[in-house]
N, C-alpha and C. Protein backbone atom coordinates (compact mmCIF):
# COMPACT_ATOMS: atom_id res chain seq x y z
N MET A 1 0.67 -0.96 0.21
CA MET A 1 0.04 -0.32 0.22
C MET A 1 0.97 1.11 0.24
N SER A 2 0.43 2.12 -0.31
CA SER A 2 1.46 3.41 -1.04
C SER A 2 1.13 4.59 0.61
N PRO A 3 2.42 4.91 0.88
CA PRO A 3 1.75 5.87 1.64
C PRO A 3 1.06 6.40 2.33
N ASN A 4 0.60 7.15 0.22
CA ASN A 4 -1.04 8.49 0.44
C ASN A 4 -1.91 7.75 0.64
N ARG A 5 -2.53 5.79 0.74
CA ARG A 5 -3.08 5.44 0.99
C ARG A 5 -3.83 5.29 2.33
N ARG A 6 -2.55 5.05 3.09
CA ARG A 6 -1.94 4.26 4.26
C ARG A 6 -2.68 6.18 4.11
N LEU A 7 -2.56 7.29 4.37
CA LEU A 7 -2.76 8.30 5.04
C LEU A 7 -4.22 8.67 4.65
N VAL A 8 -4.01 8.37 4.37
CA VAL A 8 -6.55 8.47 3.36
C VAL A 8 -6.81 7.68 4.11
N GLY A 9 -6.62 6.27 4.25
CA GLY A 9 -7.13 5.39 5.30
C GLY A 9 -7.19 5.37 6.69
N LEU A 10 -5.74 5.98 7.09
CA LEU A 10 -5.75 6.73 9.05
C LEU A 10 -6.85 8.00 8.83
N LEU A 11 -6.44 8.71 7.85
CA LEU A 11 -7.64 9.76 7.88
C LEU A 11 -9.38 9.17 7.85
N ALA A 12 -9.38 8.47 7.74
CA ALA A 12 -10.84 8.02 7.51
C ALA A 12 -10.97 7.73 8.34
N ILE A 13 -10.13 6.82 9.66
CA ILE A 13 -10.42 6.20 10.37
C ILE A 13 -10.59 7.51 11.20
N CYS A 14 -9.42 8.25 11.80
CA CYS A 14 -9.57 8.92 12.54
C CYS A 14 -11.72 9.75 12.48
N LEU A 15 -11.77 10.24 11.11
CA LEU A 15 -13.34 10.76 11.11
C LEU A 15 -13.89 9.93 12.00
N GLY A 16 -14.09 8.86 11.38
CA GLY A 16 -15.22 7.84 11.03
C GLY A 16 -15.28 7.35 12.99
N LEU A 17 -14.38 7.99 13.84
CA LEU A 17 -14.08 7.34 14.96
C LEU A 17 -14.70 8.74 15.17
N GLY A 18 -14.26 10.55 15.08
CA GLY A 18 -14.68 11.25 15.35
C GLY A 18 -13.31 12.04 15.76
N LEU A 19 -11.81 11.41 15.80
CA LEU A 19 -11.27 12.03 16.75
C LEU A 19 -11.21 13.33 15.54
N PRO A 20 -9.84 14.23 16.11
CA PRO A 20 -9.89 15.45 15.62
C PRO A 20 -8.13 14.49 14.81
N VAL A 21 -8.67 15.73 13.33
CA VAL A 21 -7.58 15.32 12.79
C VAL A 21 -5.72 15.89 12.73
N THR A 22 -5.94 17.03 13.61
CA THR A 22 -5.29 17.96 13.03
C THR A 22 -3.64 17.94 14.32
N GLY A 23 -4.07 17.16 15.39
CA GLY A 23 -2.91 16.98 16.67
C GLY A 23 -3.55 18.22 17.30
N GLN A 24 -4.51 19.05 17.54
CA GLN A 24 -4.36 19.54 18.18
C GLN A 24 -5.80 19.80 18.90
N PRO A 25 -6.16 19.90 19.88
CA PRO A 25 -6.87 19.21 21.05
C PRO A 25 -8.78 20.00 20.38
N ALA A 26 -9.71 19.10 20.55
CA ALA A 26 -10.90 19.65 20.80
C ALA A 26 -11.35 20.76 20.90
N ALA A 27 -11.50 22.20 20.45
CA ALA A 27 -12.37 23.03 21.31
C ALA A 27 -13.35 22.50 21.55
N ALA A 28 -14.01 23.68 22.39
CA ALA A 28 -15.36 24.24 23.70
C ALA A 28 -16.40 24.10 22.16
N GLN A 29 -17.00 22.84 21.67
CA GLN A 29 -18.26 23.63 20.80
C GLN A 29 -19.40 23.87 20.53
N THR A 30 -19.71 25.25 19.52
CA THR A 30 -20.05 25.86 19.29
C THR A 30 -22.06 25.00 18.94
N VAL A 31 -22.56 25.56 19.76
CA VAL A 31 -23.74 25.12 19.04
C VAL A 31 -24.83 25.62 19.49
N VAL A 32 -26.02 25.35 18.24
CA VAL A 32 -27.33 26.31 18.05
C VAL A 32 -28.39 25.38 19.36
N ALA A 33 -28.39 27.41 19.80
CA ALA A 33 -29.02 27.48 21.17
C ALA A 33 -31.09 27.87 20.68
N ALA A 34 -31.39 27.65 20.23
CA ALA A 34 -33.02 27.73 19.61
C ALA A 34 -33.60 27.32 21.34
N GLY A 35 -34.35 28.63 20.83
CA GLY A 35 -35.12 28.63 21.69
C GLY A 35 -35.84 28.05 23.70
N ASP A 36 -35.90 28.60 24.37
CA ASP A 36 -36.27 28.67 25.86
C ASP A 36 -35.42 27.93 26.68
N ARG A 37 -35.86 26.73 25.78
CA ARG A 37 -34.59 25.14 26.32
C ARG A 37 -34.51 24.32 25.59
N ALA A 38 -32.65 23.98 26.37
CA ALA A 38 -32.07 24.06 26.22
C ALA A 38 -31.81 21.88 25.87
N GLU A 39 -31.17 20.87 25.14
CA GLU A 39 -31.32 20.09 24.99
C GLU A 39 -30.14 19.58 25.31
N CYS A 40 -30.19 18.80 26.74
CA CYS A 40 -28.79 18.53 27.54
C CYS A 40 -29.18 17.12 28.17
N ARG A 41 -27.62 17.30 28.19
CA ARG A 41 -27.14 16.00 28.42
C ARG A 41 -25.76 15.70 29.53
N ALA A 42 -26.46 14.80 30.72
CA ALA A 42 -25.84 14.41 31.77
C ALA A 42 -24.00 14.82 31.15
N ASP A 43 -23.96 14.47 30.61
CA ASP A 43 -22.53 14.70 30.30
C ASP A 43 -21.17 15.69 29.64
N ALA A 44 -22.67 16.41 29.12
CA ALA A 44 -22.43 17.60 28.44
C ALA A 44 -22.96 19.55 29.68
N ALA A 45 -22.06 20.42 29.07
CA ALA A 45 -22.78 21.37 30.35
C ALA A 45 -22.40 22.58 28.54
N LEU A 46 -23.50 23.82 28.63
CA LEU A 46 -23.99 24.44 27.50
C LEU A 46 -23.93 25.38 28.75
N ILE A 47 -23.34 26.56 27.68
CA ILE A 47 -22.78 27.73 27.91
C ILE A 47 -23.48 28.48 27.15
N ARG A 48 -25.17 29.53 27.14
CA ARG A 48 -25.34 30.03 26.37
C ARG A 48 -24.59 31.74 26.00
N ILE A 49 -24.08 31.47 24.98
CA ILE A 49 -22.96 33.12 24.76
C ILE A 49 -23.95 34.17 24.17
N ALA A 50 -25.34 33.33 23.54
CA ALA A 50 -26.09 34.81 22.30
C ALA A 50 -26.87 33.92 22.56
N PRO A 51 -28.33 34.61 21.67
CA PRO A 51 -29.68 34.30 22.07
C PRO A 51 -29.88 32.97 21.33
N ASP A 52 -28.88 33.04 20.73
CA ASP A 52 -28.99 31.45 19.11
C ASP A 52 -28.24 30.46 18.78
N ARG A 53 -26.41 31.23 20.02
CA ARG A 53 -25.56 30.01 20.45
C ARG A 53 -25.72 30.00 22.10
N ALA A 54 -24.22 28.43 21.74
CA ALA A 54 -23.56 28.01 23.56
C ALA A 54 -23.29 27.22 23.28
N LEU A 55 -21.82 27.28 23.81
CA LEU A 55 -20.74 26.33 24.05
C LEU A 55 -20.65 25.00 24.64
N SER A 56 -20.48 24.04 24.05
CA SER A 56 -20.32 22.81 25.06
C SER A 56 -19.33 22.52 25.84
N PHE A 57 -19.38 21.60 26.13
CA PHE A 57 -18.60 21.58 27.55
C PHE A 57 -18.38 20.56 27.68
N GLN A 58 -17.96 18.65 27.36
CA GLN A 58 -17.27 18.02 27.03
C GLN A 58 -16.91 17.32 28.80
N VAL A 59 -17.98 17.25 29.59
CA VAL A 59 -17.85 17.41 31.59
C VAL A 59 -17.66 15.76 31.89
N GLU A 60 -16.85 15.64 33.17
CA GLU A 60 -17.38 14.91 33.84
C GLU A 60 -17.97 15.35 35.44
N LEU A 61 -19.06 14.63 36.03
CA LEU A 61 -19.08 15.17 36.86
C LEU A 61 -18.27 14.85 38.34
N ALA A 62 -18.17 15.45 39.15
CA ALA A 62 -18.30 15.30 40.59
C ALA A 62 -19.29 16.17 41.04
N ASP A 63 -20.15 15.37 41.77
CA ASP A 63 -21.73 14.66 42.11
C ASP A 63 -21.27 14.43 43.70
N THR A 64 -20.41 13.95 43.96
CA THR A 64 -20.54 13.29 45.57
C THR A 64 -19.67 14.04 46.39
N VAL A 65 -19.00 14.08 47.45
CA VAL A 65 -18.30 14.23 48.98
C VAL A 65 -16.61 13.40 47.83
N GLU A 66 -16.50 12.23 48.10
CA GLU A 66 -14.83 12.71 47.40
C GLU A 66 -15.15 12.71 46.29
N SER A 67 -15.83 11.97 44.95
CA SER A 67 -15.99 13.15 43.61
C SER A 67 -15.17 14.16 44.07
N ARG A 68 -15.46 15.59 44.91
CA ARG A 68 -15.25 16.64 44.83
C ARG A 68 -14.38 17.28 45.36
N ALA A 69 -14.30 16.61 46.74
CA ALA A 69 -12.26 16.49 47.17
C ALA A 69 -11.40 16.17 46.13
N ARG A 70 -11.67 15.16 45.27
CA ARG A 70 -10.64 15.06 44.18
C ARG A 70 -10.19 15.69 42.96
N GLY A 71 -11.29 16.14 42.95
CA GLY A 71 -11.49 16.97 41.38
C GLY A 71 -10.05 16.66 40.16
N LEU A 72 -10.00 17.82 40.04
CA LEU A 72 -9.15 17.72 39.00
C LEU A 72 -7.98 17.37 39.50
N MET A 73 -8.06 16.75 40.48
CA MET A 73 -6.27 16.67 41.54
C MET A 73 -4.73 15.76 40.24
N TYR A 74 -3.90 15.81 40.05
CA TYR A 74 -3.16 14.76 39.17
C TYR A 74 -3.20 14.42 37.76
N ARG A 75 -4.12 14.81 37.27
CA ARG A 75 -3.87 15.00 36.37
C ARG A 75 -3.15 15.75 35.62
N ARG A 76 -3.01 15.66 34.55
CA ARG A 76 -1.64 16.45 34.09
C ARG A 76 -1.82 16.97 32.08
N ASP A 77 -3.57 16.92 31.53
CA ASP A 77 -3.55 17.97 31.60
C ASP A 77 -5.08 17.97 30.92
N LEU A 78 -5.26 19.10 30.45
CA LEU A 78 -7.13 19.19 30.37
C LEU A 78 -7.49 19.62 29.40
N PRO A 79 -7.81 18.95 28.43
CA PRO A 79 -8.44 19.42 26.47
C PRO A 79 -9.23 20.15 26.85
N ALA A 80 -8.88 21.19 25.63
CA ALA A 80 -10.05 22.65 25.34
C ALA A 80 -11.24 21.11 25.20
N GLY A 81 -12.09 21.96 25.62
CA GLY A 81 -13.87 21.58 25.15
C GLY A 81 -14.13 20.69 26.67
N GLN A 82 -13.24 20.12 27.70
CA GLN A 82 -13.80 19.50 28.00
C GLN A 82 -13.38 19.91 29.91
N GLY A 83 -13.98 19.17 30.55
CA GLY A 83 -13.97 20.07 31.42
C GLY A 83 -14.63 18.94 32.72
N MET A 84 -15.07 19.59 34.03
CA MET A 84 -14.93 18.44 35.51
C MET A 84 -16.57 19.51 35.85
N LEU A 85 -17.88 18.98 35.99
CA LEU A 85 -18.40 20.36 36.76
C LEU A 85 -18.40 19.07 38.45
N PHE A 86 -18.73 20.16 39.57
CA PHE A 86 -19.03 20.59 40.30
C PHE A 86 -20.78 20.72 40.91
N VAL A 87 -21.12 19.09 41.56
CA VAL A 87 -22.78 20.16 41.73
C VAL A 87 -22.77 19.56 43.08
N TYR A 88 -23.45 20.03 43.83
CA TYR A 88 -23.52 20.88 45.12
C TYR A 88 -24.96 19.63 45.46
N PRO A 89 -25.34 19.46 46.73
CA PRO A 89 -26.63 18.77 46.77
C PRO A 89 -27.96 20.27 47.27
N THR A 90 -26.77 21.73 47.84
CA THR A 90 -27.96 22.38 47.90
C THR A 90 -27.34 23.41 48.07
N PRO A 91 -27.52 24.32 47.57
CA PRO A 91 -26.85 25.80 47.30
C PRO A 91 -25.55 26.39 48.64
N GLN A 92 -24.91 26.77 48.50
CA GLN A 92 -24.32 27.12 49.81
C GLN A 92 -22.21 27.85 48.52
N PRO A 93 -22.61 28.30 50.20
CA PRO A 93 -20.28 28.47 49.64
C PRO A 93 -19.92 28.13 49.72
N VAL A 94 -18.78 27.99 48.47
CA VAL A 94 -17.75 27.22 47.86
C VAL A 94 -16.41 27.85 47.99
N SER A 95 -15.70 27.28 48.84
CA SER A 95 -14.25 28.00 48.29
C SER A 95 -12.74 26.82 47.48
N PHE A 96 -12.45 26.69 46.64
CA PHE A 96 -11.44 25.93 45.90
C PHE A 96 -10.31 26.81 46.34
N TRP A 97 -9.42 24.92 46.32
CA TRP A 97 -7.95 25.74 46.23
C TRP A 97 -7.16 24.16 45.73
N MET A 98 -5.82 24.82 44.97
CA MET A 98 -5.33 23.69 43.49
C MET A 98 -4.48 22.57 43.99
N ARG A 99 -4.44 22.15 45.53
CA ARG A 99 -3.57 21.29 46.47
C ARG A 99 -3.57 20.04 44.83
N ASN A 100 -2.46 19.85 44.28
CA ASN A 100 -2.50 18.49 43.91
C ASN A 100 -3.20 18.44 42.32
N THR A 101 -3.22 19.93 41.70
CA THR A 101 -3.76 20.28 40.66
C THR A 101 -2.82 20.72 40.18
N LEU A 102 -2.58 19.85 39.23
CA LEU A 102 -1.07 20.32 38.13
C LEU A 102 -0.86 20.82 37.37
N ILE A 103 -2.28 21.28 36.63
CA ILE A 103 -2.24 22.54 35.95
C ILE A 103 -2.89 23.37 35.87
N PRO A 104 -3.12 24.50 35.33
CA PRO A 104 -3.95 25.73 35.12
C PRO A 104 -5.50 25.82 34.68
N LEU A 105 -6.32 25.74 36.36
CA LEU A 105 -7.89 25.90 35.94
C LEU A 105 -8.93 27.69 36.19
N ASP A 106 -9.44 27.20 34.85
CA ASP A 106 -10.43 28.14 34.77
C ASP A 106 -11.04 27.75 35.63
N MET A 107 -11.61 28.53 37.14
CA MET A 107 -13.44 28.32 37.66
C MET A 107 -14.66 28.88 38.10
N VAL A 108 -15.56 28.09 36.83
CA VAL A 108 -16.13 29.40 36.84
C VAL A 108 -17.82 28.92 37.94
N PHE A 109 -17.93 29.69 38.50
CA PHE A 109 -18.66 29.37 39.59
C PHE A 109 -20.18 29.68 39.07
N LEU A 110 -20.60 29.32 39.46
CA LEU A 110 -22.63 29.50 38.62
C LEU A 110 -23.54 28.93 40.41
N ASP A 111 -24.71 30.52 40.44
CA ASP A 111 -25.20 29.66 41.26
C ASP A 111 -26.64 28.81 40.97
N PRO A 112 -28.11 28.84 41.84
CA PRO A 112 -28.60 27.89 41.77
C PRO A 112 -29.59 27.69 40.66
N GLU A 113 -29.86 28.64 40.19
CA GLU A 113 -29.71 29.27 38.89
C GLU A 113 -29.70 28.92 36.95
N GLY A 114 -28.64 28.46 37.37
CA GLY A 114 -26.97 28.02 36.00
C GLY A 114 -26.64 29.11 35.61
N VAL A 115 -26.90 30.71 36.42
CA VAL A 115 -26.30 31.86 35.95
C VAL A 115 -24.89 31.91 36.66
N ILE A 116 -23.94 32.43 35.36
CA ILE A 116 -22.66 32.34 35.90
C ILE A 116 -22.16 34.19 36.64
N ARG A 117 -21.89 33.88 38.26
CA ARG A 117 -21.81 34.97 39.21
C ARG A 117 -20.46 34.67 39.21
N HIS A 118 -19.40 34.41 38.76
CA HIS A 118 -17.94 34.78 39.27
C HIS A 118 -17.07 33.92 38.49
N ILE A 119 -16.20 34.73 37.99
CA ILE A 119 -14.99 32.86 37.16
C ILE A 119 -13.69 33.96 38.15
N HIS A 120 -13.16 32.21 37.97
CA HIS A 120 -11.32 32.57 38.53
C HIS A 120 -10.49 31.81 37.42
N ARG A 121 -9.92 32.86 36.79
CA ARG A 121 -8.80 32.66 35.96
C ARG A 121 -7.83 32.84 35.94
N ASN A 122 -6.74 30.76 35.18
CA ASN A 122 -5.78 31.27 36.14
C ASN A 122 -5.44 30.50 36.78
N ALA A 123 -6.21 29.76 37.53
CA ALA A 123 -5.32 29.40 38.74
C ALA A 123 -4.15 28.92 39.08
N ARG A 124 -3.59 28.90 40.07
CA ARG A 124 -1.79 28.39 39.06
C ARG A 124 -1.30 27.02 40.09
N PRO A 125 -1.53 26.39 39.20
CA PRO A 125 -0.99 24.55 39.73
C PRO A 125 -0.81 24.85 41.08
N LEU A 126 -0.76 23.89 42.59
CA LEU A 126 -0.11 23.46 43.83
C LEU A 126 0.04 25.02 44.78
N ASP A 127 -0.97 25.72 43.91
CA ASP A 127 -1.34 26.68 45.26
C ASP A 127 -2.78 26.02 46.00
N GLU A 128 -2.69 26.28 47.68
CA GLU A 128 -3.24 26.77 48.30
C GLU A 128 -3.92 27.29 48.49
N THR A 129 -3.95 28.64 48.08
CA THR A 129 -4.46 29.11 49.06
C THR A 129 -5.96 29.74 47.95
N PRO A 130 -7.10 29.78 49.18
CA PRO A 130 -8.04 29.51 49.00
C PRO A 130 -8.74 30.63 48.15
N VAL A 131 -9.56 30.04 46.95
CA VAL A 131 -9.98 31.05 45.24
C VAL A 131 -11.43 31.05 45.81
N PRO A 132 -12.59 31.96 46.45
CA PRO A 132 -13.58 31.65 46.90
C PRO A 132 -14.50 31.85 46.17
N GLY A 133 -15.92 31.35 46.18
CA GLY A 133 -16.64 31.45 44.77
C GLY A 133 -17.33 33.03 44.15
N ALA A 134 -17.46 33.88 45.53
CA ALA A 134 -17.57 35.03 45.13
C ALA A 134 -17.35 35.51 45.06
N ALA A 135 -17.13 36.44 43.66
CA ALA A 135 -16.34 38.16 44.25
C ALA A 135 -17.26 39.15 45.12
N ILE A 136 -15.98 39.77 46.30
CA ILE A 136 -16.51 40.45 47.49
C ILE A 136 -17.36 42.00 46.33
N GLY A 137 -18.31 41.70 47.95
CA GLY A 137 -19.55 42.31 47.85
C GLY A 137 -20.50 41.54 47.31
N ASP A 138 -20.75 40.40 46.64
CA ASP A 138 -21.17 39.63 46.07
C ASP A 138 -22.94 39.22 47.15
N PRO A 139 -24.07 39.76 46.77
CA PRO A 139 -24.82 39.66 47.55
C PRO A 139 -25.54 38.40 48.16
N ASP A 140 -25.27 37.43 47.56
CA ASP A 140 -25.82 35.94 47.85
C ASP A 140 -24.80 35.17 46.90
N PRO A 141 -23.62 34.73 47.72
CA PRO A 141 -22.64 33.78 47.47
C PRO A 141 -22.57 32.41 47.40
N ASP A 142 -23.96 32.19 47.26
CA ASP A 142 -24.44 30.55 47.43
C ASP A 142 -24.18 30.12 45.81
N ARG A 143 -23.87 28.35 46.24
CA ARG A 143 -23.05 27.97 44.33
C ARG A 143 -23.44 26.46 44.49
N LEU A 144 -24.24 26.91 43.68
CA LEU A 144 -24.65 24.89 42.95
C LEU A 144 -24.38 24.37 42.19
N LEU A 145 -23.40 25.27 41.05
CA LEU A 145 -22.50 24.38 40.21
C LEU A 145 -20.70 24.98 40.45
N VAL A 146 -20.00 24.78 39.69
CA VAL A 146 -18.81 25.37 39.50
C VAL A 146 -17.78 24.40 38.07
N LEU A 147 -17.39 24.69 37.48
CA LEU A 147 -17.23 24.82 36.24
C LEU A 147 -15.40 24.80 35.62
N GLU A 148 -14.95 23.78 35.41
CA GLU A 148 -13.77 23.63 36.24
C GLU A 148 -13.69 23.31 34.41
N ILE A 149 -12.62 24.07 34.18
CA ILE A 149 -11.77 24.02 32.43
C ILE A 149 -10.37 24.55 32.65
N ALA A 150 -9.93 24.41 31.29
CA ALA A 150 -7.66 24.48 31.13
C ALA A 150 -8.10 26.10 31.32
N GLY A 151 -6.65 26.35 31.66
CA GLY A 151 -6.37 28.08 32.20
C GLY A 151 -6.74 28.46 31.02
N GLY A 152 -7.16 29.58 30.93
CA GLY A 152 -7.06 30.55 29.28
C GLY A 152 -8.31 30.59 28.52
N GLU A 153 -9.15 29.25 28.96
CA GLU A 153 -10.42 29.01 28.30
C GLU A 153 -11.11 30.30 28.52
N ALA A 154 -11.43 30.56 29.95
CA ALA A 154 -13.21 31.44 29.42
C ALA A 154 -12.79 33.11 28.68
N ASP A 155 -11.68 33.58 28.43
CA ASP A 155 -11.57 34.21 28.42
C ASP A 155 -11.10 34.07 27.11
N ARG A 156 -10.43 32.96 26.45
CA ARG A 156 -10.67 32.92 24.80
C ARG A 156 -11.33 32.78 24.59
N LEU A 157 -12.81 31.57 25.45
CA LEU A 157 -13.98 31.73 25.15
C LEU A 157 -15.26 32.95 25.15
N GLY A 158 -14.64 33.84 25.17
CA GLY A 158 -15.17 35.26 25.88
C GLY A 158 -16.49 35.12 27.47
N LEU A 159 -16.40 34.31 28.31
CA LEU A 159 -17.13 33.91 29.44
C LEU A 159 -17.50 34.98 29.62
N GLN A 160 -18.26 35.44 30.10
CA GLN A 160 -19.09 36.47 31.08
C GLN A 160 -19.65 36.19 32.46
N THR A 161 -19.98 36.64 33.50
CA THR A 161 -20.33 36.92 34.75
C THR A 161 -22.12 37.20 33.68
N GLY A 162 -22.66 36.58 34.14
CA GLY A 162 -24.55 36.53 33.97
C GLY A 162 -25.19 36.16 32.70
N GLN A 163 -24.05 34.44 31.51
CA GLN A 163 -24.12 33.77 30.74
C GLN A 163 -24.69 32.97 32.16
N THR A 164 -25.08 32.37 31.24
CA THR A 164 -26.70 31.29 31.76
C THR A 164 -25.65 29.33 31.29
N LEU A 165 -25.75 28.50 32.33
CA LEU A 165 -25.81 27.79 31.93
C LEU A 165 -26.34 26.24 31.25
N ALA A 166 -27.01 25.32 30.89
CA ALA A 166 -28.38 24.67 30.68
C ALA A 166 -27.07 23.12 30.87
N HIS A 167 -27.84 22.97 32.04
CA HIS A 167 -27.04 20.89 32.72
C HIS A 167 -28.82 20.40 33.49
N PRO A 168 -28.59 19.06 33.45
CA PRO A 168 -29.42 18.66 34.17
C PRO A 168 -29.53 18.21 35.74
N ALA A 169 -28.15 19.25 36.08
CA ALA A 169 -28.24 19.17 37.71
C ALA A 169 -28.45 20.33 37.54
N VAL A 170 -28.87 20.80 37.10
CA VAL A 170 -29.56 22.56 37.20
C VAL A 170 -31.15 22.85 37.31
N PRO A 171 -31.80 22.19 38.76
CA PRO A 171 -33.29 22.46 38.96
C PRO A 171 -34.09 22.91 37.90
N ALA A 172 -35.24 22.89 36.78
CA ALA A 172 -35.55 22.75 36.42
C ALA A 172 -36.72 23.66 36.43
N ASP A 173 -36.89 23.99 38.06
CA ASP A 173 -38.27 24.82 38.76
C ASP A 173 -37.46 26.35 38.62
N SER A 174 -35.72 26.40 38.75
CA SER A 174 -36.11 27.24 39.15
C SER A 174 -34.11 27.43 37.98
N ALA A 175 -33.81 27.00 36.92
CA ALA A 175 -32.75 27.02 35.83
C ALA A 175 -33.39 28.31 35.52
N ALA A 176 -32.89 29.36 35.08
CA ALA A 176 -32.29 30.36 33.98
C ALA A 176 -33.03 30.53 32.42
N TRP A 177 -32.12 28.80 31.90
CA TRP A 177 -31.21 27.85 30.86
C TRP A 177 -32.59 27.03 30.75
N PRO A 178 -33.60 26.30 31.48
CA PRO A 178 -33.61 25.20 31.70
C PRO A 178 -33.92 24.57 30.75
N CYS A 179 -33.75 22.90 30.78
CA CYS A 179 -33.34 21.66 29.89
C CYS A 179 -35.03 21.07 29.90
N ARG A 180 -34.36 20.96 28.62
CA ARG A 180 -36.60 19.97 27.22
C ARG A 180 -36.12 18.96 28.83
């Protein structure tokens, strides 16, 4: 088989498996955000960036005491477009640190309605300084969710306070952008 035919065959396999063929990590996907309700899945967090557009992040859930305590510790990379969604049983003040976390992270703190209330950008690896989930002066510091993504992604993607997240973990009766 010629080298060109091998390359074409490998390319076809990668495309068939949905793998990136550029050697670059997959980025957060922009999806159509039509209507008042989102198409939600447990393994994806959607952040509405415009009335008709949202970013989709592939997420691992940290929804137990143990998984929230472990978080992204000891990971050596976190590809663009992926993250960890921390889900608390009830809204509460939260604080994070980077103990045993080897990669820089952006921490996106969300209230019980799924609204971004605070973003801590580029948390330093291994830093044990507490990172509060609320900005100084926030009248309601309770958080239900925290999305951790690769450091620098929040700025690159234009994430801002006030944007809304859709995910099955946001209670439907209070969600700013509920799931279908």
